[in-house]
Protein backbone atom coordinates (compact mmCIF):
# COMPACT_ATOMS: atom_id res chain seq x y z
CA MET A 1 -19.93 -3.02 -1.75
CA GLU A 2 -22.22 -0.07 -2.26
CA GLN A 3 -21.51 3.34 -0.71
CA GLY A 4 -23.61 6.41 -1.45
CA GLY A 5 -25.22 4.66 -4.41
CA LYS A 6 -21.84 3.91 -5.99
CA THR A 7 -19.90 0.67 -6.23
CA LYS A 8 -16.80 0.47 -4.07
CA TRP A 9 -14.29 -2.33 -4.45
CA SER A 10 -12.77 -4.07 -1.43
CA ILE A 11 -9.34 -5.46 -2.38
CA SER A 12 -7.46 -7.82 -0.07
CA THR A 13 -3.78 -8.48 -0.79
CA HIS A 14 -0.72 -9.93 0.89
CA GLN A 15 2.97 -9.53 0.13
CA VAL A 16 4.24 -12.36 -2.06
CA GLY A 17 7.32 -14.00 -0.56
CA SER A 18 6.82 -12.42 2.82
CA ALA A 19 6.63 -14.47 6.00
CA ASN A 20 3.69 -12.29 6.99
CA LYS A 21 0.64 -13.77 5.25
CA ASP A 22 -1.84 -11.36 6.85
CA ALA A 23 -4.06 -9.77 4.23
CA VAL A 24 -4.30 -6.03 3.84
CA THR A 25 -7.72 -4.78 2.76
CA GLU A 26 -8.24 -1.46 0.98
CA VAL A 27 -11.21 0.15 -0.74
CA PHE A 28 -11.05 1.58 -4.27
CA ASP A 29 -13.38 3.43 -6.60
CA SER A 30 -12.33 1.49 -9.72
CA VAL A 31 -10.63 -1.78 -10.59
CA PHE A 32 -8.66 -2.81 -13.67
CA VAL A 33 -8.52 -6.55 -14.33
CA CYS A 34 -5.35 -7.16 -16.35
CA ASN A 35 -4.38 -10.77 -15.64
CA GLY A 36 -4.43 -11.79 -19.31
CA HIS A 37 -5.55 -15.12 -20.70
CA TYR A 38 -2.42 -17.10 -21.53
CA SER A 39 -1.82 -18.94 -18.27
CA ILE A 40 -4.27 -21.81 -17.79
CA PRO A 41 -4.11 -24.26 -20.74
CA ASP A 42 -7.35 -25.31 -22.40
CA MET A 43 -6.80 -29.05 -22.86
CA PRO A 44 -9.11 -31.02 -25.16
CA ASN A 45 -10.57 -34.40 -24.24
CA ILE A 46 -10.11 -36.69 -27.24
CA PRO A 47 -11.43 -40.27 -27.24
CA GLY A 48 -8.58 -42.64 -26.37
CA GLN A 49 -6.31 -39.83 -25.25
CA ASP A 50 -5.39 -41.70 -22.06
CA THR A 51 -4.08 -44.63 -24.14
CA PHE A 52 -1.42 -42.58 -25.92
CA THR A 53 1.96 -44.19 -25.29
CA GLY A 54 4.04 -41.11 -26.10
CA GLU A 55 4.28 -37.65 -24.55
CA ILE A 56 1.30 -35.29 -24.39
CA LEU A 57 1.86 -31.64 -23.53
CA HIS A 58 0.42 -28.19 -24.12
CA SER A 59 2.13 -25.32 -25.91
CA HIS A 60 2.20 -23.55 -22.51
CA ASP A 61 4.93 -26.01 -21.48
CA PHE A 62 6.96 -25.84 -24.70
CA ARG A 63 10.50 -24.59 -24.12
CA HIS A 64 13.14 -26.35 -26.23
CA PRO A 65 12.59 -27.76 -29.75
CA GLU A 66 15.71 -29.91 -29.35
CA ALA A 67 13.72 -32.15 -27.00
CA PHE A 68 11.87 -33.49 -30.05
CA LYS A 69 14.95 -34.51 -32.02
CA ASP A 70 14.18 -37.38 -34.44
CA LYS A 71 10.62 -37.72 -33.10
CA ARG A 72 7.30 -37.80 -34.91
CA VAL A 73 5.28 -34.92 -33.51
CA LEU A 74 1.63 -33.91 -33.94
CA VAL A 75 0.86 -30.27 -33.17
CA LEU A 76 -2.89 -29.84 -32.76
CA GLY A 77 -4.09 -26.31 -33.43
CA ALA A 78 -2.99 -23.95 -36.20
CA GLY A 79 -3.19 -20.61 -34.51
CA ALA A 80 -0.10 -18.40 -34.32
CA SER A 81 1.45 -20.51 -31.54
CA GLY A 82 0.79 -23.83 -33.27
CA GLN A 83 2.32 -22.58 -36.51
CA ASP A 84 5.42 -21.18 -34.82
CA ILE A 85 5.95 -24.26 -32.66
CA ALA A 86 5.60 -26.58 -35.64
CA LEU A 87 8.33 -24.65 -37.45
CA ASP A 88 10.60 -24.66 -34.39
CA ILE A 89 10.16 -28.37 -33.74
CA GLY A 90 10.52 -29.14 -37.44
CA LYS A 91 14.19 -28.12 -37.31
CA PHE A 92 14.89 -31.16 -35.13
CA ALA A 93 11.98 -33.60 -35.45
CA LYS A 94 11.77 -36.42 -37.95
CA LYS A 95 8.23 -35.40 -38.89
CA VAL A 96 5.78 -32.74 -37.76
CA THR A 97 2.07 -32.74 -38.51
CA LEU A 98 0.04 -29.57 -38.01
CA GLY A 99 -3.49 -30.77 -37.29
CA HIS A 100 -6.43 -28.38 -37.51
CA ASN A 101 -9.96 -27.94 -38.86
CA LYS A 102 -9.32 -24.70 -40.72
CA ALA A 103 -8.80 -24.33 -44.44
CA GLN A 104 -5.41 -25.66 -45.48
CA MET A 105 -2.69 -23.02 -45.23
CA ARG A 106 -1.20 -22.23 -48.64
CA CYS A 107 2.19 -21.00 -47.52
CA PRO A 108 5.09 -23.40 -48.13
CA PHE A 109 6.36 -25.42 -45.15
CA PRO A 110 9.60 -27.39 -44.82
CA LYS A 111 9.43 -30.87 -46.35
CA ASN A 112 9.07 -32.62 -42.97
CA ILE A 113 6.00 -30.57 -41.97
CA ASN A 114 2.55 -31.43 -43.31
CA GLN A 115 -1.04 -30.46 -42.53
CA ARG A 116 -3.88 -32.77 -41.54
CA SER A 117 -7.46 -32.46 -40.31
CA GLY A 118 -8.34 -32.56 -36.61
CA ILE A 119 -8.13 -35.68 -34.44
CA LYS A 120 -10.97 -38.20 -34.30
CA GLU A 121 -9.46 -40.61 -31.77
CA ILE A 122 -6.23 -41.95 -30.31
CA ASN A 123 -5.26 -45.58 -29.87
CA GLY A 124 -1.86 -46.15 -28.34
CA ASN A 125 0.65 -44.26 -30.48
CA SER A 126 -1.74 -44.26 -33.46
CA VAL A 127 -3.78 -41.14 -34.15
CA THR A 128 -6.88 -41.32 -36.35
CA PHE A 129 -7.85 -38.09 -38.05
CA ILE A 130 -11.32 -36.86 -38.98
CA ASP A 131 -10.78 -38.12 -42.54
CA ASP A 132 -10.29 -41.63 -41.01
CA SER A 133 -6.64 -41.86 -41.99
CA SER A 134 -4.13 -42.79 -39.27
CA GLU A 135 -0.50 -42.10 -38.43
CA GLU A 136 1.82 -42.97 -35.55
CA TYR A 137 3.43 -40.32 -33.34
CA ASP A 138 5.88 -40.08 -30.46
CA ALA A 139 4.48 -36.82 -29.06
CA ILE A 140 1.34 -34.70 -29.25
CA MET A 141 1.52 -30.96 -28.63
CA PHE A 142 -1.85 -29.34 -27.91
CA SER A 143 -1.79 -25.76 -29.13
CA THR A 144 -5.44 -25.35 -28.23
CA GLY A 145 -5.52 -22.04 -26.42
CA TYR A 146 -6.14 -21.00 -22.86
CA GLN A 147 -8.97 -20.49 -20.41
CA TYR A 148 -10.25 -17.20 -19.13
CA THR A 149 -10.07 -17.41 -15.36
CA PHE A 150 -10.40 -14.89 -12.54
CA PRO A 151 -9.83 -16.81 -9.28
CA PHE A 152 -9.23 -13.58 -7.37
CA LEU A 153 -12.73 -12.20 -8.06
CA ALA A 154 -15.32 -13.00 -5.40
CA PRO A 155 -18.73 -14.25 -6.60
CA GLU A 156 -20.19 -10.93 -5.46
CA CYS A 157 -18.32 -9.25 -8.32
CA GLY A 158 -20.89 -10.81 -10.65
CA ILE A 159 -18.46 -12.04 -13.32
CA THR A 160 -18.96 -15.45 -14.88
CA VAL A 161 -17.06 -17.39 -17.53
CA LYS A 162 -18.98 -19.98 -19.54
CA ASN A 163 -17.54 -21.65 -22.61
CA GLN A 164 -14.83 -18.97 -22.81
CA ARG A 165 -17.33 -16.11 -22.72
CA ILE A 166 -16.87 -13.50 -19.99
CA SER A 167 -20.16 -12.01 -18.81
CA PRO A 168 -21.49 -9.43 -18.53
CA LEU A 169 -19.02 -7.38 -20.58
CA TYR A 170 -19.79 -4.49 -22.90
CA LYS A 171 -17.30 -4.01 -25.74
CA HIS A 172 -15.15 -6.74 -24.13
CA LEU A 173 -14.13 -4.07 -21.63
CA PHE A 174 -16.82 -2.70 -19.30
CA HIS A 175 -18.59 -4.65 -16.54
CA ILE A 176 -22.19 -3.89 -17.51
CA GLU A 177 -23.62 -4.16 -14.00
CA ARG A 178 -20.69 -2.41 -12.29
CA PRO A 179 -19.02 -0.17 -14.91
CA SER A 180 -16.17 0.85 -12.59
CA MET A 181 -14.54 -2.52 -13.26
CA TYR A 182 -12.59 -2.68 -16.51
CA PHE A 183 -11.20 -5.77 -18.24
CA ILE A 184 -8.04 -5.01 -20.22
CA GLY A 185 -6.64 -7.39 -22.81
CA MET A 186 -9.41 -9.97 -22.99
CA CYS A 187 -9.73 -9.68 -26.77
CA ALA A 188 -8.09 -12.41 -28.81
CA ALA A 189 -6.38 -12.29 -32.21
CA VAL A 190 -5.48 -8.59 -32.10
CA CYS A 191 -2.47 -6.30 -32.35
CA PRO A 192 -2.07 -6.55 -28.58
CA PHE A 193 -0.21 -3.65 -27.03
CA GLN A 194 -1.78 -0.92 -29.15
CA MET A 195 -5.25 -2.36 -28.53
CA PHE A 196 -4.71 -2.69 -24.79
CA ASP A 197 -3.31 0.83 -24.64
CA LEU A 198 -6.48 2.11 -26.31
CA GLN A 199 -8.65 0.16 -23.84
CA VAL A 200 -6.80 1.73 -20.91
CA ARG A 201 -7.13 5.24 -22.33
CA VAL A 202 -10.85 4.73 -22.96
CA SER A 203 -11.32 3.41 -19.42
CA MET A 204 -9.50 6.40 -17.93
CA LYS A 205 -11.73 8.77 -19.86
CA HIS A 206 -14.74 6.97 -18.42
CA ILE A 207 -13.35 7.21 -14.88
CA MET A 208 -12.76 10.95 -15.40
CA GLY A 209 -16.37 11.38 -16.50
CA GLU A 210 -15.52 12.46 -20.02
CA PHE A 211 -18.22 10.24 -21.53
CA GLN A 212 -21.18 8.16 -20.40
CA LEU A 213 -21.93 4.58 -21.28
CA PRO A 214 -25.32 3.64 -22.74
CA SER A 215 -28.05 2.28 -20.46
CA LYS A 216 -27.65 -1.26 -19.15
CA GLU A 217 -30.47 -2.37 -21.41
CA LYS A 218 -28.73 -1.00 -24.49
CA MET A 219 -25.37 -2.49 -23.47
CA TYR A 220 -26.93 -5.92 -23.01
CA LEU A 221 -28.73 -5.60 -26.35
CA GLU A 222 -25.55 -4.60 -28.21
CA THR A 223 -23.63 -7.44 -26.56
CA GLU A 224 -26.23 -9.98 -27.68
CA LYS A 225 -26.16 -8.54 -31.20
CA ASP A 226 -22.39 -8.97 -31.21
CA LEU A 227 -22.78 -12.61 -30.15
CA GLU A 228 -25.40 -13.20 -32.86
CA TRP A 229 -23.10 -11.64 -35.44
CA ARG A 230 -20.40 -14.11 -34.41
CA ARG A 231 -22.80 -17.03 -34.77
CA ASN A 232 -23.67 -15.83 -38.28
CA MET A 233 -19.95 -15.71 -39.03
CA GLY A 234 -19.75 -19.38 -38.08
CA TRP A 235 -17.68 -18.73 -34.96
CA PRO A 236 -18.38 -20.93 -31.93
CA GLU A 237 -19.39 -19.26 -28.66
CA ARG A 238 -15.92 -19.89 -27.23
CA HIS A 239 -14.70 -17.22 -29.66
CA ALA A 240 -16.88 -14.58 -28.01
CA HIS A 241 -13.85 -12.29 -27.58
CA LYS A 242 -12.07 -13.01 -30.85
CA LEU A 243 -11.64 -10.01 -33.16
CA ALA A 244 -9.09 -10.88 -35.87
CA ASP A 245 -9.84 -8.83 -39.03
CA HIS A 246 -12.57 -6.93 -37.16
CA GLN A 247 -10.23 -5.46 -34.53
CA TRP A 248 -9.94 -2.10 -36.24
CA GLN A 249 -13.71 -1.72 -36.42
CA TYR A 250 -13.80 -2.50 -32.70
CA ALA A 251 -11.08 0.08 -32.05
CA ASP A 252 -13.06 2.66 -34.01
CA GLU A 253 -16.13 1.85 -31.90
CA LEU A 254 -14.19 2.51 -28.69
CA VAL A 255 -12.95 5.81 -30.12
CA ALA A 256 -16.47 6.78 -31.20
CA ILE A 257 -18.02 6.30 -27.74
CA SER A 258 -15.13 7.89 -25.81
CA GLY A 259 -13.43 10.49 -27.97
CA ALA A 260 -10.07 8.82 -27.33
CA THR A 261 -7.19 9.30 -29.75
CA PRO A 262 -7.38 6.46 -32.30
CA ILE A 263 -4.67 3.93 -33.04
CA ARG A 264 -2.38 5.39 -35.68
CA LYS A 265 -3.03 4.42 -39.29
CA VAL A 266 0.57 3.32 -39.74
CA ILE A 267 0.15 0.69 -37.01
CA LYS A 268 -2.94 -0.73 -38.71
CA ASP A 269 -1.29 -0.78 -42.13
CA LEU A 270 1.91 -2.36 -40.81
CA PHE A 271 -0.05 -5.02 -38.92
CA ARG A 272 -1.98 -5.94 -42.09
CA HIS A 273 1.23 -6.01 -44.11
CA VAL A 274 3.03 -8.39 -41.74
CA HIS A 275 -0.09 -10.54 -41.41
CA ASN A 276 -0.30 -10.93 -45.19
CA ILE A 277 3.39 -11.78 -45.47
CA ARG A 278 2.99 -14.41 -42.74
CA GLN A 279 0.24 -16.08 -44.76
CA THR A 280 2.45 -16.40 -47.83
CA ASP A 281 5.92 -16.90 -46.33
CA ILE A 282 5.62 -18.14 -42.75
CA GLN A 283 9.19 -19.44 -42.75
CA HIS A 284 10.89 -16.09 -43.33
CA TYR A 285 8.57 -13.21 -42.43
CA LYS A 286 10.13 -12.63 -39.01
CA ARG A 287 13.42 -11.71 -40.66
CA MET A 288 11.94 -8.52 -42.07
CA ASN A 289 12.55 -5.18 -40.34
CA PHE A 290 10.45 -2.04 -40.67
CA GLU A 291 10.79 1.58 -39.65
CA ILE A 292 7.82 3.81 -38.81
CA VAL A 293 8.32 7.15 -40.56
CA ASN A 294 5.26 9.04 -39.31
CA ASP A 295 1.60 8.42 -38.39
CA GLU A 296 0.85 7.39 -41.96
CA ASP A 297 3.92 5.68 -43.40
CA TYR A 298 6.52 3.02 -42.78
CA THR A 299 9.42 1.67 -44.80
CA ILE A 300 11.03 -1.76 -45.15
CA VAL A 301 14.51 -1.43 -43.69
CA GLU A 302 15.72 -4.96 -44.33
CA ARG A 303 13.91 -7.82 -46.04
CA GLY A 304 16.13 -10.34 -44.32
CA TYR A 305 15.53 -13.23 -46.71
CA LEU A 306 18.27 -15.84 -47.00
């Protein structure tokens, strides 16, 4: 709603678990949307998928690797979750295949874990890969990510999600048309808590009037330039909020427009260090322990290798 030329937000809630389901409506000056994006699985639709005779599930439902004892398992998707799940299941499964369309990972895996290209089609318990080779499996685990969804936002809020792109957002954070709505934690492939903390601090500075956003025209233009940059990188549109190696540049951009205190250098360096170790020794990197000494330095407390 609009009051005095400013956007006001009408929020209706009810007490979860209460017998009283009557909604309580209140009006606020600003809204933070912080529901995350790891709840609703993004399930692929592969030709012949409905003919699979084994178990199909999403990483969202993965709980116990022991359930795959002596089974042949295909994990589709080699993001962080897919890699970790493949290793967990591999301790019990007869065979685990990590299927993906990325470059082959060079780190050593256990002998019963191998890498293959993405899936072309499924026929019964036989899976045909993009390279036209086939193998039989007892279970398929889709580690294919999640959907951005905001079922609690009324259409009047003006937020849409198409092909995993939230619009209209500036810097993955500000609602361009109604800048008193802030989206925290929508970025993917980042050092999460430090990044989300920075987003909150930047948003609070904006609420307090400590800086002004560019014009709507400029925000739209910069957002389209960001999307074009992603296309030139070869990223599909569904990766509109992926940052990965570019997260620190993004963090610097938020600091530049707001004057917020930047993420400490030691956090950035430690994140890069652990990321690099993961790429070369995915089986053991979690056993390492570090200690932050100051804003610049950290030390390895225990390597933890067996």
